[in-house]
Amino acid sequence: MSEIAARTGISPSVLSRLRTGERAPTPAQVKLLAKHLKLGGADLIHFGELAVLARTPGEFRERLAQA
């Protein structure tokens, strides 16, 4: 995790909270992580969608899951 932190500029503690779901990534963090992971095309779009979903309040996520 320290290597990812060094390459993205995201602190290890923030990365840890992102990994455990304790915190949702900001759009800027999503861009940094996607670049580090060398995501492109459909993978980049899916990664961004997952990040948006992570920032969506639980009540709305439950509604989306039922739809």
C-alpha atoms as a PDB file:
ATOM      1  CA  MET A   1       0.000   0.000   0.000  1.00  0.00           C
ATOM      2  CA  SER A   2       2.900   2.347   0.620  1.00  0.00           C
ATOM      3  CA  GLU A   3       3.950   1.976  -3.033  1.00  0.00           C
ATOM      4  CA  ILE A   4       0.481   3.001  -4.224  1.00  0.00           C
ATOM      5  CA  ALA A   5       0.512   5.899  -1.772  1.00  0.00           C
ATOM      6  CA  ALA A   6       3.859   7.099  -3.089  1.00  0.00           C
ATOM      7  CA  ARG A   7       2.775   6.839  -6.729  1.00  0.00           C
ATOM      8  CA  THR A   8      -0.655   8.448  -6.292  1.00  0.00           C
ATOM      9  CA  GLY A   9       0.017  10.977  -3.535  1.00  0.00           C
ATOM     10  CA  ILE A  10      -2.860   9.507  -1.508  1.00  0.00           C
ATOM     11  CA  SER A  11      -1.821   8.878   2.075  1.00  0.00           C
ATOM     12  CA  PRO A  12      -1.598   5.277   3.319  1.00  0.00           C
ATOM     13  CA  SER A  13      -4.254   5.975   5.957  1.00  0.00           C
ATOM     14  CA  VAL A  14      -6.708   7.265   3.339  1.00  0.00           C
ATOM     15  CA  LEU A  15      -5.954   4.283   1.087  1.00  0.00           C
ATOM     16  CA  SER A  16      -6.645   1.979   4.014  1.00  0.00           C
ATOM     17  CA  ARG A  17     -10.017   3.642   4.657  1.00  0.00           C
ATOM     18  CA  LEU A  18     -10.875   3.420   0.962  1.00  0.00           C
ATOM     19  CA  ARG A  19      -9.950  -0.258   0.898  1.00  0.00           C
ATOM     20  CA  THR A  20     -12.096  -1.113   3.915  1.00  0.00           C
ATOM     21  CA  GLY A  21     -15.057   0.946   2.710  1.00  0.00           C
ATOM     22  CA  GLU A  22     -14.780   3.308   5.652  1.00  0.00           C
ATOM     23  CA  ARG A  23     -14.446   6.162   3.184  1.00  0.00           C
ATOM     24  CA  ALA A  24     -15.530   6.671  -0.419  1.00  0.00           C
ATOM     25  CA  PRO A  25     -13.013   8.046  -2.910  1.00  0.00           C
ATOM     26  CA  THR A  26     -13.235  11.586  -4.198  1.00  0.00           C
ATOM     27  CA  PRO A  27     -13.356  12.084  -7.971  1.00  0.00           C
ATOM     28  CA  ALA A  28      -9.713  13.222  -7.856  1.00  0.00           C
ATOM     29  CA  GLN A  29      -8.690  10.070  -5.979  1.00  0.00           C
ATOM     30  CA  VAL A  30     -10.571   7.931  -8.500  1.00  0.00           C
ATOM     31  CA  LYS A  31      -8.595   9.567 -11.322  1.00  0.00           C
ATOM     32  CA  LEU A  32      -5.280   9.035  -9.525  1.00  0.00           C
ATOM     33  CA  LEU A  33      -6.040   5.399  -8.751  1.00  0.00           C
ATOM     34  CA  ALA A  34      -7.308   4.683 -12.274  1.00  0.00           C
ATOM     35  CA  LYS A  35      -4.127   6.171 -13.715  1.00  0.00           C
ATOM     36  CA  HIS A  36      -1.976   4.104 -11.351  1.00  0.00           C
ATOM     37  CA  LEU A  37      -3.912   0.952 -12.286  1.00  0.00           C
ATOM     38  CA  LYS A  38      -3.625   1.861 -15.982  1.00  0.00           C
ATOM     39  CA  LEU A  39      -7.362   1.498 -16.502  1.00  0.00           C
ATOM     40  CA  GLY A  40      -8.868   2.443 -19.815  1.00  0.00           C
ATOM     41  CA  GLY A  41     -12.004   1.942 -21.853  1.00  0.00           C
ATOM     42  CA  ALA A  42     -14.760  -0.087 -20.234  1.00  0.00           C
ATOM     43  CA  ASP A  43     -12.645  -0.792 -17.127  1.00  0.00           C
ATOM     44  CA  LEU A  44     -12.198   2.924 -16.486  1.00  0.00           C
ATOM     45  CA  ILE A  45     -15.923   3.556 -16.894  1.00  0.00           C
ATOM     46  CA  HIS A  46     -16.812   0.677 -14.563  1.00  0.00           C
ATOM     47  CA  PHE A  47     -14.266   1.862 -11.982  1.00  0.00           C
ATOM     48  CA  GLY A  48     -15.797   5.349 -12.075  1.00  0.00           C
ATOM     49  CA  GLU A  49     -19.305   3.950 -11.730  1.00  0.00           C
ATOM     50  CA  LEU A  50     -18.278   1.919  -8.696  1.00  0.00           C
ATOM     51  CA  ALA A  51     -16.753   5.025  -7.140  1.00  0.00           C
ATOM     52  CA  VAL A  52     -19.982   6.970  -7.686  1.00  0.00           C
ATOM     53  CA  LEU A  53     -21.948   4.103  -6.152  1.00  0.00           C
ATOM     54  CA  ALA A  54     -19.625   4.138  -3.128  1.00  0.00           C
ATOM     55  CA  ARG A  55     -20.505   7.805  -2.575  1.00  0.00           C
ATOM     56  CA  THR A  56     -24.241   7.154  -2.929  1.00  0.00           C
ATOM     57  CA  PRO A  57     -26.167   7.178   0.368  1.00  0.00           C
ATOM     58  CA  GLY A  58     -27.209   3.730   1.592  1.00  0.00           C
ATOM     59  CA  GLU A  59     -30.922   4.402   1.173  1.00  0.00           C
ATOM     60  CA  PHE A  60     -30.467   5.068  -2.534  1.00  0.00           C
ATOM     61  CA  ARG A  61     -28.126   2.085  -2.998  1.00  0.00           C
ATOM     62  CA  GLU A  62     -30.839  -0.152  -1.535  1.00  0.00           C
ATOM     63  CA  ARG A  63     -33.395   1.268  -3.968  1.00  0.00           C
ATOM     64  CA  LEU A  64     -31.014   0.725  -6.881  1.00  0.00           C
ATOM     65  CA  ALA A  65     -30.420  -2.873  -5.804  1.00  0.00           C
ATOM     66  CA  GLN A  66     -34.179  -3.515  -5.783  1.00  0.00           C
ATOM     67  CA  ALA A  67     -34.754  -1.962  -9.224  1.00  0.00           C
END
